[in-house]
Amino acid sequence: MKKLLLITVLVSAISFAQKPIFASAKVKAATVYFNAAELQQTTSVNLPAGTSEIVIKNVADYLNENTVQIGAPNSVTVLSVQFTQNYISEYEIDESNPAIKKVRDSIIIVNKEIAKIQIEKVSNSKTVDLLDKNQMVAGANTGLNIAELMKLVDFYKAKRSELNNTITLLQERETKWTIQLQNLNKKLEINTQKEDKSSDGKLILQVMNEVAGNVNFDINYITNNANWKPFYDLRAVSVKDPINMMYKAQVTQNTGIDWKKVKLTLSSGNPNQNNQAPILGSWFLRYGYQDDYRNGDVLSNKLQGRASGVQLEAVMVTSLGVRKDKSVRSINATDVETQLNVSFDIDIPYDILSNGKAHSVALKEIKLPATYKYYAAPRVDKEAFLLAEINDYSKYNLLQGEANIIFEGLYVGKTNINPNQTTDTLNLSMGRDKKISIKREKVVDKSGTKFLSSYKEQMFTYDITIRNNKKEDIEMLLKDQYPLSSDKEITIELLEDGKAKVNTETGILTWELKLAPNETKKIRISYKVKYPKDKVIDNL
């Protein structure tokens, strides 16, 4: 029994010491997330019966080894899987690339020729040494006559010259072969660098096969060297037409392998996030220092501060100033909304090269019914912004991203689309409209400063003029403001509001205007500020 076990171990060790089998994986499909990608690859290997080592090339340079899954037939048992970037094997280079194998074979031939030349050089050099050591034989042997001595001298001279000429020719041949060897080594270095650069990552599989034959393997894993982000093209012909939105994606990958004709899926999910649900423990109160930060108090104070009327109104004004728009219509992708994320299955195969550059992928095209109106806050910016209001926008599966705006056939700039909000209406900024003129001018004769005993009184009066230079009617949301006091010594009085809706808590004045073509409207606002004359207000 012990002998049988020993034989089994030896056979197993010999099997694993066998020449590895090399294979190259092909990318079949890719699911790209915002910060990673799941690759599905296939390869075919001709396996003998028994245990084998398979080296699978053309996998990503960097991958999460814990996510690697190998699919194989029931007749094959996968004993182990290992990812490496430093697999060194002479077999790999010799067999995987015919060009590299040819260079290596040439190097072997050149080395043999150089070895032959070096042997001949040594033989000829030794012969010359032998002749030189015996050149005094004539002087020691007095029995030689002059004729025999001359023959010996002629032989020595001719033979030495012949040997020296042969050595010179051998040195020239050796120099030529050496130069050729250097060129071959440089060529081999360049080719192997290209080979290594194409795919540093490799999967090493130890498998046991019951029946010899061709075996197909399916390979799945996640790599972080890929991502995608949505972006949009928004086109509007006029304020009476819907928005045509081209929903696109910018896919970038630097995995070390090119994706050729792959089935592409784009997902808004995050495979790297922590999916462990949080667990609440007991919350015990304790005494602390007076200035100590307590979690509950700090959170409560922050929430109360954010919920103040002034800040909420300011947020609303800001959002109206920068809201974005979209228009879309389906093209060649199917969007699937799951419980946790949105994914797009691309109908046609795509080529995504591993060059770190963004590749544009068309997802779908949508017509968005929109209600248009203009917005202006001339105290901050004396231009009108076209806003498009989109109702029931959640059904379009929009994601946050950048958008190009093309209005009335002209590119007007970029905007950002952010559907992550709680309101029912999505306000999209279509950019500035130069055909609406807005002025906010100070009325000098209605403004000025007065000194009353210990107080200073300043009056401010402004005329806001809006002109519609377009050929159609427009609706405009106009906003301005007057200052608020946070000090009892400073009193503020709104003298003229121009028939605006006044929010006394925030100081915001709002008008909803309708202007016919070429119509001009003028609005006047006025307010008075009173404060101690020895004080200076630096933001009036």
Protein backbone atom coordinates (compact mmCIF):
# COMPACT_ATOMS: atom_id res chain seq x y z
CA MET A 1 0.00 0.00 0.00
CA LYS A 2 2.88 2.38 0.86
CA LYS A 3 4.57 1.54 -2.45
CA LEU A 4 1.36 2.29 -4.34
CA LEU A 5 0.98 5.65 -2.56
CA LEU A 6 4.61 6.54 -3.31
CA ILE A 7 4.15 5.68 -6.99
CA THR A 8 1.01 7.83 -7.13
CA VAL A 9 2.82 10.82 -5.61
CA LEU A 10 5.74 10.40 -8.01
CA VAL A 11 3.44 10.18 -11.02
CA SER A 12 1.60 13.27 -9.85
CA ALA A 13 4.85 15.19 -9.35
CA ILE A 14 6.08 14.16 -12.80
CA SER A 15 2.78 15.24 -14.32
CA PHE A 16 2.97 18.72 -12.79
CA ALA A 17 6.60 19.00 -13.92
CA GLN A 18 5.55 18.46 -17.51
CA LYS A 19 5.77 21.16 -20.11
CA PRO A 20 2.96 23.72 -19.50
CA ILE A 21 0.20 24.16 -22.05
CA PHE A 22 -0.31 27.72 -23.28
CA ALA A 23 -3.61 29.22 -24.38
CA SER A 24 -4.91 32.68 -25.19
CA ALA A 25 -8.27 33.90 -23.87
CA LYS A 26 -10.70 35.92 -25.97
CA VAL A 27 -13.02 38.57 -24.51
CA LYS A 28 -16.61 37.53 -25.22
CA ALA A 29 -18.61 40.02 -23.13
CA ALA A 30 -17.99 42.90 -20.73
CA THR A 31 -20.20 44.43 -18.07
CA VAL A 32 -18.79 47.87 -17.29
CA TYR A 33 -19.59 49.68 -14.03
CA PHE A 34 -18.77 53.24 -13.00
CA ASN A 35 -15.47 52.07 -11.46
CA ALA A 36 -14.85 48.48 -12.65
CA ALA A 37 -15.72 45.86 -15.25
CA GLU A 38 -16.66 42.20 -15.23
CA LEU A 39 -15.05 40.38 -18.17
CA GLN A 40 -16.28 37.11 -19.66
CA GLN A 41 -13.60 35.29 -21.67
CA THR A 42 -13.31 31.93 -23.40
CA THR A 43 -10.43 29.73 -24.48
CA SER A 44 -9.96 26.25 -25.94
CA VAL A 45 -7.16 23.89 -24.90
CA ASN A 46 -6.15 20.47 -26.23
CA LEU A 47 -5.53 18.51 -23.01
CA PRO A 48 -4.03 15.06 -22.48
CA ALA A 49 -5.51 12.67 -19.98
CA GLY A 50 -4.24 13.22 -16.46
CA THR A 51 -2.91 16.30 -14.72
CA SER A 52 -1.77 19.37 -16.65
CA GLU A 53 -0.68 22.94 -16.08
CA ILE A 54 -2.38 25.53 -18.29
CA VAL A 55 -1.07 29.08 -18.69
CA ILE A 56 -3.86 31.34 -20.00
CA LYS A 57 -2.62 34.57 -21.54
CA ASN A 58 -4.47 37.68 -22.74
CA VAL A 59 -6.20 38.35 -19.43
CA ALA A 60 -6.30 41.75 -17.71
CA ASP A 61 -3.05 43.14 -16.32
CA TYR A 62 -4.72 43.71 -12.95
CA LEU A 63 -7.74 41.82 -11.65
CA ASN A 64 -9.39 40.88 -8.39
CA GLU A 65 -8.15 37.33 -7.89
CA ASN A 66 -10.99 36.59 -5.47
CA THR A 67 -13.52 37.11 -8.27
CA VAL A 68 -11.99 34.67 -10.78
CA GLN A 69 -14.41 31.91 -11.83
CA ILE A 70 -13.48 29.07 -14.20
CA GLY A 71 -16.16 27.12 -16.05
CA ALA A 72 -15.17 23.67 -17.39
CA PRO A 73 -16.89 20.42 -18.50
CA ASN A 74 -17.70 17.75 -15.95
CA SER A 75 -14.78 15.62 -17.20
CA VAL A 76 -12.29 18.30 -16.09
CA THR A 77 -11.50 19.12 -12.48
CA VAL A 78 -9.88 22.49 -11.78
CA LEU A 79 -7.45 21.88 -8.93
CA SER A 80 -6.15 25.44 -8.50
CA VAL A 81 -6.23 28.88 -10.10
CA GLN A 82 -3.52 31.49 -9.69
CA PHE A 83 -3.10 34.97 -11.19
CA THR A 84 0.41 36.29 -11.82
CA GLN A 85 2.24 39.00 -13.71
CA ASN A 86 5.67 37.42 -13.39
CA TYR A 87 5.32 34.03 -15.07
CA ILE A 88 8.72 33.12 -16.59
CA SER A 89 8.99 30.22 -19.02
CA GLU A 90 11.12 29.51 -22.10
CA TYR A 91 8.24 27.47 -23.48
CA GLU A 92 5.96 30.48 -23.46
CA ILE A 93 8.09 32.62 -25.72
CA ASP A 94 9.19 29.77 -28.01
CA GLU A 95 5.72 28.46 -28.71
CA SER A 96 3.41 31.42 -28.37
CA ASN A 97 5.06 33.70 -30.94
CA PRO A 98 6.55 32.29 -34.19
CA ALA A 99 8.58 35.47 -34.79
CA ILE A 100 10.26 35.20 -31.39
CA LYS A 101 10.94 31.48 -31.93
CA LYS A 102 12.61 32.25 -35.26
CA VAL A 103 14.91 34.81 -33.64
CA ARG A 104 15.82 32.39 -30.85
CA ASP A 105 16.64 29.65 -33.38
CA SER A 106 18.86 32.08 -35.29
CA ILE A 107 20.68 33.00 -32.08
CA ILE A 108 21.43 29.33 -31.44
CA ILE A 109 22.86 28.91 -34.95
CA VAL A 110 25.02 32.04 -34.66
CA ASN A 111 26.36 30.94 -31.27
CA LYS A 112 27.38 27.58 -32.80
CA GLU A 113 29.23 29.33 -35.65
CA ILE A 114 31.05 31.59 -33.21
CA ALA A 115 32.05 28.54 -31.12
CA LYS A 116 33.48 26.79 -34.22
CA ILE A 117 35.51 29.85 -35.16
CA GLN A 118 36.89 30.17 -31.63
CA ILE A 119 37.99 26.50 -31.70
CA GLU A 120 39.79 27.01 -35.03
CA LYS A 121 41.46 30.15 -33.70
CA VAL A 122 42.77 28.30 -30.66
CA SER A 123 44.10 25.43 -32.84
CA ASN A 124 45.94 27.77 -35.18
CA SER A 125 47.32 29.81 -32.29
CA LYS A 126 48.67 26.66 -30.62
CA THR A 127 50.32 25.60 -33.91
CA VAL A 128 52.02 28.99 -34.18
CA ASP A 129 53.26 28.62 -30.61
CA LEU A 130 54.64 25.17 -31.44
CA LEU A 131 56.53 26.51 -34.45
CA ASP A 132 57.95 29.38 -32.42
CA LYS A 133 59.19 27.05 -29.68
CA ASN A 134 61.08 24.86 -32.21
CA GLN A 135 62.67 27.67 -34.26
CA MET A 136 66.11 27.04 -32.61
CA VAL A 137 66.27 23.38 -33.62
CA ALA A 138 68.62 24.14 -36.52
CA GLY A 139 71.20 25.80 -34.30
CA ALA A 140 71.23 22.92 -31.85
CA ASN A 141 71.50 20.25 -34.56
CA THR A 142 74.86 20.79 -36.21
CA GLY A 143 74.25 17.80 -38.47
CA LEU A 144 71.95 19.90 -40.74
CA ASN A 145 73.50 21.17 -43.96
CA ILE A 146 72.71 24.44 -45.64
CA ALA A 147 70.15 22.96 -48.06
CA GLU A 148 68.21 21.25 -45.31
CA LEU A 149 68.36 24.41 -43.19
CA MET A 150 66.94 26.51 -46.06
CA LYS A 151 64.11 24.04 -46.53
CA LEU A 152 63.30 24.27 -42.82
CA VAL A 153 63.32 28.06 -42.90
CA ASP A 154 61.05 28.15 -45.95
CA PHE A 155 58.64 25.70 -44.31
CA TYR A 156 58.54 27.72 -41.08
CA LYS A 157 58.00 30.98 -42.95
CA ALA A 158 55.24 29.67 -45.21
CA LYS A 159 53.46 27.75 -42.46
CA ARG A 160 53.51 30.64 -40.01
CA SER A 161 52.22 33.07 -42.62
CA GLU A 162 49.43 30.66 -43.55
CA LEU A 163 48.42 30.21 -39.90
CA ASN A 164 48.46 33.97 -39.20
CA ASN A 165 46.35 34.68 -42.30
CA THR A 166 43.90 32.00 -41.20
CA ILE A 167 43.68 33.52 -37.71
CA THR A 168 43.03 36.96 -39.23
CA LEU A 169 40.23 35.58 -41.42
CA LEU A 170 38.73 33.75 -38.45
CA GLN A 171 38.77 36.96 -36.40
CA GLU A 172 36.95 38.81 -39.21
CA ARG A 173 34.34 36.06 -39.41
CA GLU A 174 33.95 36.08 -35.62
CA THR A 175 33.43 39.88 -35.65
CA LYS A 176 30.70 39.58 -38.29
CA TRP A 177 28.93 36.79 -36.39
CA THR A 178 29.21 38.76 -33.14
CA ILE A 179 27.57 41.81 -34.73
CA GLN A 180 24.79 39.59 -36.08
CA LEU A 181 24.36 38.08 -32.61
CA GLN A 182 24.03 41.54 -31.05
CA ASN A 183 21.37 42.51 -33.60
CA LEU A 184 19.44 39.31 -32.95
CA ASN A 185 19.57 39.88 -29.19
CA LYS A 186 18.23 43.43 -29.65
CA LYS A 187 15.47 42.13 -31.90
CA LEU A 188 14.60 39.46 -29.34
CA GLU A 189 14.51 42.05 -26.56
CA ILE A 190 12.16 44.32 -28.53
CA ASN A 191 9.85 41.45 -29.47
CA THR A 192 9.68 40.05 -25.96
CA GLN A 193 8.96 43.53 -24.57
CA LYS A 194 6.07 43.86 -27.02
CA GLU A 195 4.87 40.41 -26.08
CA ASP A 196 5.00 41.20 -22.36
CA LYS A 197 3.37 44.60 -22.85
CA SER A 198 0.42 43.10 -24.69
CA SER A 199 -0.62 41.10 -21.66
CA ASP A 200 1.32 41.00 -18.41
CA GLY A 201 -1.41 39.12 -16.57
CA LYS A 202 -1.72 35.35 -16.79
CA LEU A 203 -3.89 32.72 -15.15
CA ILE A 204 -2.17 29.48 -14.19
CA LEU A 205 -4.55 26.52 -13.91
CA GLN A 206 -3.78 23.10 -12.51
CA VAL A 207 -6.38 20.72 -13.95
CA MET A 208 -7.11 17.01 -14.07
CA ASN A 209 -8.66 15.66 -17.25
CA GLU A 210 -10.36 12.26 -17.53
CA VAL A 211 -10.36 11.96 -21.33
CA ALA A 212 -7.82 13.49 -23.72
CA GLY A 213 -9.24 16.00 -26.18
CA ASN A 214 -10.19 19.61 -26.80
CA VAL A 215 -11.66 21.38 -23.73
CA ASN A 216 -13.45 24.76 -23.62
CA PHE A 217 -13.01 27.00 -20.57
CA ASP A 218 -15.16 29.98 -19.55
CA ILE A 219 -13.37 32.65 -17.51
CA ASN A 220 -15.05 35.40 -15.46
CA TYR A 221 -13.41 38.03 -13.25
CA ILE A 222 -13.60 41.69 -12.18
CA THR A 223 -10.96 44.28 -13.00
CA ASN A 224 -10.87 47.88 -11.78
CA ASN A 225 -9.12 49.24 -14.89
CA ALA A 226 -12.34 50.15 -16.73
CA ASN A 227 -15.20 52.60 -16.22
CA TRP A 228 -17.97 54.47 -17.97
CA LYS A 229 -19.92 57.67 -17.46
CA PRO A 230 -23.09 58.95 -19.11
CA PHE A 231 -23.25 62.09 -21.21
CA TYR A 232 -25.90 63.66 -23.38
CA ASP A 233 -26.54 65.74 -26.46
CA LEU A 234 -29.57 68.01 -25.99
CA ARG A 235 -31.13 69.52 -29.10
CA ALA A 236 -34.08 71.90 -29.22
CA VAL A 237 -35.35 73.57 -32.40
CA SER A 238 -37.55 76.11 -30.61
CA VAL A 239 -39.43 76.64 -27.36
CA LYS A 240 -42.50 75.06 -28.95
CA ASP A 241 -40.87 71.71 -29.73
CA PRO A 242 -39.82 68.83 -27.45
CA ILE A 243 -36.18 68.23 -26.55
CA ASN A 244 -34.34 65.63 -28.62
CA MET A 245 -31.91 63.92 -26.29
CA MET A 246 -29.14 61.58 -27.39
CA TYR A 247 -28.25 59.36 -24.45
CA LYS A 248 -24.59 58.27 -24.72
CA ALA A 249 -21.83 56.69 -22.70
CA GLN A 250 -18.10 57.27 -22.55
CA VAL A 251 -16.40 53.91 -21.96
CA THR A 252 -12.73 53.84 -20.95
CA GLN A 253 -10.61 50.77 -20.33
CA ASN A 254 -6.92 50.18 -19.67
CA THR A 255 -6.95 46.48 -18.82
CA GLY A 256 -4.03 45.60 -21.10
CA ILE A 257 -6.20 43.70 -23.60
CA ASP A 258 -8.31 45.06 -26.45
CA TRP A 259 -12.00 44.20 -26.47
CA LYS A 260 -12.90 43.16 -30.01
CA LYS A 261 -16.55 42.68 -31.03
CA VAL A 262 -17.68 42.19 -27.44
CA LYS A 263 -21.21 42.08 -26.05
CA LEU A 264 -21.27 45.25 -23.99
CA THR A 265 -23.42 45.97 -20.93
CA LEU A 266 -23.24 49.22 -18.96
CA SER A 267 -24.42 49.24 -15.35
CA SER A 268 -24.83 51.94 -12.73
CA GLY A 269 -23.99 49.44 -9.99
CA ASN A 270 -20.79 49.28 -7.95
CA PRO A 271 -19.28 45.79 -7.55
CA ASN A 272 -16.63 47.07 -5.12
CA GLN A 273 -18.91 48.66 -2.53
CA ASN A 274 -19.50 47.18 0.89
CA ASN A 275 -22.82 45.33 0.78
CA GLN A 276 -22.98 44.56 4.49
CA ALA A 277 -26.08 46.16 6.01
CA PRO A 278 -25.32 48.32 9.08
CA ILE A 279 -26.34 47.16 12.55
CA LEU A 280 -27.39 49.61 15.27
CA GLY A 281 -26.20 49.12 18.81
CA SER A 282 -27.37 50.65 22.07
CA TRP A 283 -26.95 54.43 22.38
CA PHE A 284 -25.98 55.46 25.91
CA LEU A 285 -25.80 59.14 26.90
CA ARG A 286 -22.92 60.39 29.03
CA TYR A 287 -21.71 63.64 30.55
CA GLY A 288 -18.87 65.48 28.90
CA TYR A 289 -17.16 68.84 28.68
CA GLN A 290 -19.34 71.84 27.86
CA ASP A 291 -17.69 72.42 24.49
CA ASP A 292 -17.63 68.71 23.63
CA TYR A 293 -19.26 67.71 20.34
CA ARG A 294 -22.08 65.25 20.81
CA ASN A 295 -23.21 63.30 17.77
CA GLY A 296 -26.90 63.94 18.26
CA ASP A 297 -26.54 67.68 19.05
CA VAL A 298 -24.16 68.35 16.19
CA LEU A 299 -26.37 66.52 13.70
CA SER A 300 -29.47 68.30 14.96
CA ASN A 301 -27.82 71.72 14.77
CA LYS A 302 -26.58 71.10 11.26
CA LEU A 303 -29.99 70.00 10.08
CA GLN A 304 -31.65 73.04 11.68
CA GLY A 305 -29.11 75.36 10.09
CA ARG A 306 -29.61 73.82 6.64
CA ALA A 307 -33.39 74.02 6.97
CA SER A 308 -33.47 77.77 7.55
CA GLY A 309 -35.66 79.72 5.13
CA VAL A 310 -32.84 81.87 3.74
CA GLN A 311 -30.61 78.94 2.87
CA LEU A 312 -33.42 76.93 1.32
CA GLU A 313 -34.43 79.83 -0.85
CA ALA A 314 -30.82 80.40 -1.86
CA VAL A 315 -30.54 76.77 -2.85
CA MET A 316 -33.68 77.06 -4.92
CA VAL A 317 -32.38 80.11 -6.77
CA THR A 318 -29.06 78.42 -7.42
CA SER A 319 -30.74 75.31 -8.77
CA LEU A 320 -32.89 77.35 -11.13
CA GLY A 321 -29.75 78.97 -12.39
CA VAL A 322 -27.93 75.74 -13.21
CA ARG A 323 -30.50 73.06 -13.89
CA LYS A 324 -29.89 71.00 -17.00
CA ASP A 325 -32.02 69.36 -19.67
CA LYS A 326 -32.28 66.20 -21.70
CA SER A 327 -33.92 64.70 -24.78
CA VAL A 328 -33.76 61.01 -25.70
CA ARG A 329 -35.05 58.33 -28.10
CA SER A 330 -34.11 54.64 -28.19
CA ILE A 331 -31.40 53.54 -30.65
CA ASN A 332 -29.44 50.36 -30.07
CA ALA A 333 -29.52 49.64 -26.35
CA THR A 334 -32.06 48.12 -24.00
CA ASP A 335 -32.22 49.70 -20.57
CA VAL A 336 -33.20 47.45 -17.69
CA GLU A 337 -34.10 48.93 -14.32
CA THR A 338 -33.55 46.57 -11.39
CA GLN A 339 -34.30 47.07 -7.73
CA LEU A 340 -30.85 48.58 -7.11
CA ASN A 341 -29.48 49.99 -10.39
CA VAL A 342 -29.95 50.60 -14.10
CA SER A 343 -28.15 48.68 -16.85
CA PHE A 344 -27.97 49.07 -20.62
CA ASP A 345 -27.58 46.03 -22.87
CA ILE A 346 -25.97 47.18 -26.14
CA ASP A 347 -27.49 45.46 -29.16
CA ILE A 348 -24.44 45.62 -31.44
CA PRO A 349 -20.90 44.38 -30.66
CA TYR A 350 -18.32 47.04 -29.87
CA ASP A 351 -14.55 47.43 -30.09
CA ILE A 352 -13.06 49.09 -27.00
CA LEU A 353 -9.29 49.44 -27.19
CA SER A 354 -7.07 49.32 -24.12
CA ASN A 355 -5.63 52.81 -24.52
CA GLY A 356 -7.20 54.77 -21.67
CA LYS A 357 -9.20 56.91 -24.12
CA ALA A 358 -12.95 57.47 -23.94
CA HIS A 359 -14.95 55.51 -26.52
CA SER A 360 -18.39 56.87 -27.35
CA VAL A 361 -21.25 54.37 -27.20
CA ALA A 362 -24.77 55.34 -28.28
CA LEU A 363 -27.43 54.11 -25.86
CA LYS A 364 -30.75 55.56 -26.95
CA GLU A 365 -32.58 58.60 -28.24
CA ILE A 366 -35.60 60.11 -26.51
CA LYS A 367 -38.04 62.90 -27.20
CA LEU A 368 -38.72 64.73 -23.95
CA PRO A 369 -41.93 66.76 -23.76
CA ALA A 370 -40.87 70.02 -22.16
CA THR A 371 -42.39 73.25 -20.93
CA TYR A 372 -40.07 76.18 -21.55
CA LYS A 373 -39.66 79.39 -19.65
CA TYR A 374 -36.90 81.89 -19.07
CA TYR A 375 -35.18 82.73 -15.84
CA ALA A 376 -33.10 85.76 -14.91
CA ALA A 377 -31.49 87.17 -11.76
CA PRO A 378 -29.95 90.41 -13.11
CA ARG A 379 -28.39 91.37 -9.79
CA VAL A 380 -25.99 88.43 -10.36
CA ASP A 381 -26.04 87.90 -14.14
CA LYS A 382 -27.65 90.22 -16.69
CA GLU A 383 -28.58 87.48 -19.15
CA ALA A 384 -31.64 85.27 -19.51
CA PHE A 385 -31.42 81.49 -19.12
CA LEU A 386 -33.82 79.19 -20.92
CA LEU A 387 -35.22 76.50 -18.61
CA ALA A 388 -36.99 73.35 -19.74
CA GLU A 389 -39.28 71.68 -17.23
CA ILE A 390 -39.56 67.89 -17.61
CA ASN A 391 -42.38 66.08 -15.83
CA ASP A 392 -42.26 62.41 -14.86
CA TYR A 393 -38.56 62.26 -15.73
CA SER A 394 -37.88 59.13 -13.65
CA LYS A 395 -39.25 56.83 -16.38
CA TYR A 396 -36.31 57.67 -18.67
CA ASN A 397 -33.66 56.10 -16.36
CA LEU A 398 -31.46 59.18 -16.55
CA LEU A 399 -28.14 59.25 -14.73
CA GLN A 400 -26.08 62.17 -13.58
CA GLY A 401 -23.75 63.43 -16.30
CA GLU A 402 -22.57 66.21 -18.56
CA ALA A 403 -24.56 67.37 -21.59
CA ASN A 404 -23.89 69.36 -24.75
CA ILE A 405 -26.61 71.90 -25.57
CA ILE A 406 -27.59 72.66 -29.16
CA PHE A 407 -30.41 75.21 -29.36
CA GLU A 408 -31.88 76.49 -32.63
CA GLY A 409 -29.04 74.76 -34.50
CA LEU A 410 -26.24 76.44 -32.54
CA TYR A 411 -23.97 74.96 -29.89
CA VAL A 412 -24.49 77.07 -26.77
CA GLY A 413 -22.33 75.25 -24.22
CA LYS A 414 -22.39 72.47 -21.66
CA THR A 415 -24.55 71.71 -18.68
CA ASN A 416 -24.95 68.99 -16.07
CA ILE A 417 -27.94 66.73 -15.67
CA ASN A 418 -28.73 65.66 -12.14
CA PRO A 419 -31.90 63.54 -11.79
CA ASN A 420 -31.10 62.71 -8.16
CA GLN A 421 -33.69 65.01 -6.61
CA THR A 422 -36.98 64.71 -4.80
CA THR A 423 -39.11 67.12 -6.86
CA ASP A 424 -41.59 65.93 -9.48
CA THR A 425 -40.25 68.35 -12.11
CA LEU A 426 -36.73 68.37 -13.49
CA ASN A 427 -35.50 71.83 -14.50
CA LEU A 428 -32.97 71.74 -17.30
CA SER A 429 -30.92 74.79 -18.24
CA MET A 430 -30.73 75.16 -22.01
CA GLY A 431 -28.21 77.96 -21.77
CA ARG A 432 -28.26 81.71 -22.30
CA ASP A 433 -30.52 83.40 -24.83
CA LYS A 434 -28.89 86.48 -26.35
CA LYS A 435 -32.18 87.56 -27.95
CA ILE A 436 -33.54 88.66 -24.58
CA SER A 437 -32.05 91.91 -23.32
CA ILE A 438 -31.94 92.67 -19.59
CA LYS A 439 -30.62 95.76 -17.84
CA ARG A 440 -30.45 96.59 -14.15
CA GLU A 441 -29.54 100.23 -13.71
CA LYS A 442 -29.30 102.39 -10.60
CA VAL A 443 -31.61 105.41 -10.62
CA VAL A 444 -29.26 108.14 -9.47
CA ASP A 445 -31.82 110.83 -8.61
CA LYS A 446 -33.76 108.34 -6.51
CA SER A 447 -30.70 107.07 -4.66
CA GLY A 448 -28.42 108.75 -2.15
CA THR A 449 -27.17 109.11 1.41
CA LYS A 450 -28.51 111.23 4.28
CA PHE A 451 -27.06 111.85 7.72
CA LEU A 452 -29.54 112.01 10.59
CA SER A 453 -27.89 112.86 13.93
CA SER A 454 -26.05 109.63 14.80
CA TYR A 455 -27.45 107.59 11.94
CA LYS A 456 -26.74 107.31 8.25
CA GLU A 457 -29.57 106.61 5.82
CA GLN A 458 -28.93 105.22 2.34
CA MET A 459 -31.56 104.81 -0.36
CA PHE A 460 -31.16 102.49 -3.35
CA THR A 461 -33.43 102.51 -6.41
CA TYR A 462 -33.02 100.28 -9.46
CA ASP A 463 -34.84 99.98 -12.77
CA ILE A 464 -34.91 96.53 -14.35
CA THR A 465 -35.65 96.57 -18.08
CA ILE A 466 -36.50 93.39 -20.02
CA ARG A 467 -36.98 93.32 -23.79
CA ASN A 468 -38.10 90.32 -25.86
CA ASN A 469 -36.32 90.45 -29.24
CA LYS A 470 -37.66 87.05 -30.30
CA LYS A 471 -40.44 86.37 -32.77
CA GLU A 472 -42.61 84.51 -30.28
CA ASP A 473 -44.12 85.12 -26.86
CA ILE A 474 -42.04 84.17 -23.85
CA GLU A 475 -42.65 83.51 -20.18
CA MET A 476 -40.02 84.63 -17.71
CA LEU A 477 -39.32 84.02 -14.05
CA LEU A 478 -37.50 87.12 -12.82
CA LYS A 479 -35.84 87.37 -9.41
CA ASP A 480 -34.14 90.14 -7.50
CA GLN A 481 -33.57 90.86 -3.83
CA TYR A 482 -33.16 93.45 -1.11
CA PRO A 483 -30.87 93.06 1.93
CA LEU A 484 -31.86 91.72 5.33
CA SER A 485 -30.64 92.88 8.72
CA SER A 486 -28.99 90.71 11.33
CA ASP A 487 -28.30 93.61 13.71
CA LYS A 488 -30.82 95.64 15.74
CA GLU A 489 -28.98 98.85 14.88
CA ILE A 490 -29.51 98.24 11.16
CA THR A 491 -33.04 98.80 9.86
CA ILE A 492 -34.16 98.08 6.30
CA GLU A 493 -37.33 99.22 4.62
CA LEU A 494 -38.60 98.05 1.24
CA LEU A 495 -40.03 101.19 -0.36
CA GLU A 496 -41.10 99.87 -3.75
CA ASP A 497 -41.42 96.22 -4.77
CA GLY A 498 -42.55 96.59 -8.42
CA LYS A 499 -45.58 94.39 -7.74
CA ALA A 500 -43.39 91.40 -6.96
CA LYS A 501 -44.12 88.42 -4.75
CA VAL A 502 -42.08 89.31 -1.67
CA ASN A 503 -40.54 86.75 0.64
CA THR A 504 -39.78 88.79 3.75
CA GLU A 505 -37.76 85.96 5.31
CA THR A 506 -35.28 85.77 2.46
CA GLY A 507 -35.57 89.17 0.80
CA ILE A 508 -36.28 87.54 -2.57
CA LEU A 509 -38.53 89.37 -5.06
CA THR A 510 -40.19 87.24 -7.74
CA TRP A 511 -42.05 88.20 -10.91
CA GLU A 512 -43.75 85.90 -13.42
CA LEU A 513 -43.78 87.86 -16.67
CA LYS A 514 -45.21 87.33 -20.15
CA LEU A 515 -43.69 89.30 -22.99
CA ALA A 516 -44.92 89.52 -26.55
CA PRO A 517 -42.46 89.79 -29.47
CA ASN A 518 -40.49 93.08 -29.32
CA GLU A 519 -42.22 94.00 -26.05
CA THR A 520 -40.33 95.87 -23.31
CA LYS A 521 -41.19 95.94 -19.61
CA LYS A 522 -39.66 98.04 -16.88
CA ILE A 523 -39.74 97.26 -13.16
CA ARG A 524 -38.59 99.55 -10.35
CA ILE A 525 -37.51 98.46 -6.88
CA SER A 526 -36.38 100.68 -4.02
CA TYR A 527 -35.22 100.11 -0.45
CA LYS A 528 -33.72 102.14 2.39
CA VAL A 529 -30.99 101.13 4.84
CA LYS A 530 -30.44 102.99 8.14
CA TYR A 531 -27.48 102.31 10.46
CA PRO A 532 -25.05 104.15 12.80
CA LYS A 533 -22.93 106.65 10.88
CA ASP A 534 -19.74 105.54 12.62
CA LYS A 535 -20.17 102.01 11.22
CA VAL A 536 -19.31 100.72 7.76
CA ILE A 537 -21.28 98.09 5.87
CA ASP A 538 -18.94 96.55 3.33
CA ASN A 539 -21.44 94.53 1.26
CA LEU A 540 -24.09 97.08 0.30
